[in-house]
């Protein structure tokens, strides 16, 4: 928390980043599947499908 205050980062930004990290760990997260699909269109790496 002190690091956020020292760098003037709002706490909701850090909380949102943490929740996004938690949701990205889910195997079948629809929102992360959408992000992954869009990533290839914006110059990122392509989707790697796991069995």
N, C-alpha and C. Protein backbone atom coordinates (compact mmCIF):
# COMPACT_ATOMS: atom_id res chain seq x y z
N UNK A 1 0.82 -1.18 0.00
CA UNK A 1 0.00 0.00 0.00
C UNK A 1 0.87 1.25 0.00
N UNK A 2 1.93 1.23 0.75
CA UNK A 2 2.81 2.40 0.81
C UNK A 2 3.47 2.65 -0.53
N UNK A 3 3.78 1.59 -1.26
CA UNK A 3 4.38 1.75 -2.59
C UNK A 3 3.42 2.46 -3.53
N UNK A 4 2.14 2.13 -3.45
CA UNK A 4 1.13 2.80 -4.27
C UNK A 4 1.03 4.28 -3.91
N UNK A 5 1.07 4.58 -2.65
CA UNK A 5 1.00 5.98 -2.20
C UNK A 5 2.24 6.74 -2.67
N UNK A 6 3.41 6.12 -2.52
CA UNK A 6 4.65 6.77 -2.93
C UNK A 6 4.69 7.06 -4.43
N UNK A 7 4.07 6.18 -5.23
CA UNK A 7 4.08 6.34 -6.69
C UNK A 7 2.80 6.94 -7.23
N UNK A 8 1.92 7.39 -6.35
CA UNK A 8 0.66 8.04 -6.73
C UNK A 8 -0.19 7.15 -7.63
N UNK A 9 -0.25 5.86 -7.30
CA UNK A 9 -1.09 4.91 -8.05
C UNK A 9 -2.36 4.68 -7.24
N UNK A 10 -3.53 4.94 -7.82
CA UNK A 10 -4.78 4.72 -7.09
C UNK A 10 -4.96 3.24 -6.74
N UNK A 11 -5.45 2.97 -5.56
CA UNK A 11 -5.65 1.60 -5.11
C UNK A 11 -6.62 0.81 -6.00
N UNK A 12 -7.69 1.41 -6.55
CA UNK A 12 -8.56 0.63 -7.43
C UNK A 12 -7.83 0.07 -8.65
N UNK A 13 -6.80 0.78 -9.12
CA UNK A 13 -6.01 0.28 -10.25
C UNK A 13 -5.27 -0.99 -9.85
N UNK A 14 -4.68 -0.98 -8.67
CA UNK A 14 -3.96 -2.16 -8.19
C UNK A 14 -4.91 -3.32 -7.93
N UNK A 15 -6.07 -3.02 -7.37
CA UNK A 15 -7.06 -4.08 -7.11
C UNK A 15 -7.55 -4.68 -8.41
N UNK A 16 -7.81 -3.86 -9.42
CA UNK A 16 -8.27 -4.37 -10.71
C UNK A 16 -7.21 -5.25 -11.35
N UNK A 17 -5.95 -4.85 -11.25
CA UNK A 17 -4.86 -5.66 -11.80
C UNK A 17 -4.76 -7.00 -11.08
N UNK A 18 -4.93 -7.00 -9.78
CA UNK A 18 -4.88 -8.24 -9.02
C UNK A 18 -6.03 -9.17 -9.38
N UNK A 19 -7.24 -8.61 -9.51
CA UNK A 19 -8.39 -9.44 -9.87
C UNK A 19 -8.25 -9.98 -11.29
N UNK A 20 -7.68 -9.19 -12.19
CA UNK A 20 -7.44 -9.67 -13.56
C UNK A 20 -6.45 -10.83 -13.55
N UNK A 21 -5.46 -10.74 -12.70
CA UNK A 21 -4.48 -11.84 -12.58
C UNK A 21 -5.15 -13.10 -12.06
N UNK A 22 -6.01 -12.97 -11.07
CA UNK A 22 -6.73 -14.13 -10.55
C UNK A 22 -7.62 -14.76 -11.61
N UNK A 23 -8.33 -13.92 -12.37
CA UNK A 23 -9.23 -14.48 -13.39
C UNK A 23 -8.46 -15.11 -14.54
N UNK A 24 -7.24 -14.64 -14.80
CA UNK A 24 -6.46 -15.22 -15.88
C UNK A 24 -5.95 -16.61 -15.52
N UNK A 25 -5.95 -16.95 -14.26
CA UNK A 25 -5.51 -18.29 -13.83
C UNK A 25 -6.58 -19.36 -14.08
N UNK A 26 -7.82 -18.93 -14.28
CA UNK A 26 -8.90 -19.89 -14.50
C UNK A 26 -8.71 -20.56 -15.85
N UNK A 27 -9.01 -21.84 -15.91
CA UNK A 27 -8.86 -22.60 -17.15
C UNK A 27 -9.84 -22.15 -18.22
N UNK A 28 -11.08 -21.91 -17.87
CA UNK A 28 -12.13 -21.61 -18.84
C UNK A 28 -12.78 -20.26 -18.59
N UNK A 29 -11.97 -19.23 -18.48
CA UNK A 29 -12.49 -17.89 -18.24
C UNK A 29 -12.91 -17.27 -19.57
N UNK A 30 -14.21 -17.02 -19.77
CA UNK A 30 -14.66 -16.42 -21.03
C UNK A 30 -14.02 -15.06 -21.32
N UNK A 31 -13.85 -14.25 -20.29
CA UNK A 31 -13.26 -12.92 -20.53
C UNK A 31 -11.80 -13.03 -20.94
N UNK A 32 -11.05 -13.96 -20.35
CA UNK A 32 -9.66 -14.12 -20.73
C UNK A 32 -9.53 -14.77 -22.11
N UNK A 33 -10.50 -15.60 -22.50
CA UNK A 33 -10.50 -16.15 -23.84
C UNK A 33 -10.70 -15.04 -24.87
N UNK A 34 -11.53 -14.08 -24.55
CA UNK A 34 -11.75 -12.94 -25.45
C UNK A 34 -10.49 -12.10 -25.55
N UNK A 35 -9.84 -11.83 -24.43
CA UNK A 35 -8.60 -11.06 -24.45
C UNK A 35 -7.55 -11.79 -25.28
N UNK A 36 -7.47 -13.09 -25.12
CA UNK A 36 -6.52 -13.88 -25.89
C UNK A 36 -6.81 -13.83 -27.38
N UNK A 37 -8.09 -13.89 -27.74
CA UNK A 37 -8.47 -13.82 -29.15
C UNK A 37 -8.13 -12.45 -29.74
N UNK A 38 -8.34 -11.38 -28.98
CA UNK A 38 -8.04 -10.03 -29.47
C UNK A 38 -6.55 -9.75 -29.53
N UNK A 39 -5.80 -10.43 -28.69
CA UNK A 39 -4.36 -10.18 -28.62
C UNK A 39 -3.70 -10.43 -29.97
N UNK A 40 -4.12 -11.49 -30.67
CA UNK A 40 -3.55 -11.81 -31.97
C UNK A 40 -3.84 -10.74 -33.01
N UNK A 41 -4.95 -10.05 -32.89
CA UNK A 41 -5.33 -9.02 -33.84
C UNK A 41 -4.57 -7.71 -33.63
N UNK A 42 -4.03 -7.52 -32.46
CA UNK A 42 -3.35 -6.27 -32.15
C UNK A 42 -1.83 -6.43 -32.06
N UNK A 43 -1.30 -7.38 -32.82
CA UNK A 43 0.15 -7.53 -32.89
C UNK A 43 0.77 -8.40 -31.82
N UNK A 44 -0.03 -9.03 -31.00
CA UNK A 44 0.50 -9.92 -29.97
C UNK A 44 0.72 -11.31 -30.51
N UNK A 45 1.01 -12.22 -29.65
CA UNK A 45 1.23 -13.59 -30.08
C UNK A 45 -0.11 -14.30 -30.31
N UNK A 46 -0.08 -15.34 -31.08
CA UNK A 46 -1.32 -16.06 -31.41
C UNK A 46 -1.75 -16.93 -30.24
N UNK A 47 -2.95 -17.45 -30.35
CA UNK A 47 -3.54 -18.28 -29.31
C UNK A 47 -2.93 -19.67 -29.35
N UNK A 48 -2.57 -20.17 -28.18
CA UNK A 48 -2.06 -21.53 -28.05
C UNK A 48 -3.12 -22.33 -27.33
N UNK A 49 -3.68 -23.28 -28.00
CA UNK A 49 -4.76 -24.09 -27.41
C UNK A 49 -4.16 -25.27 -26.65
N UNK A 50 -4.68 -25.52 -25.46
CA UNK A 50 -4.27 -26.67 -24.68
C UNK A 50 -5.35 -27.72 -24.75
N UNK A 51 -4.96 -28.97 -24.77
CA UNK A 51 -5.98 -30.04 -24.87
C UNK A 51 -6.82 -30.18 -23.65
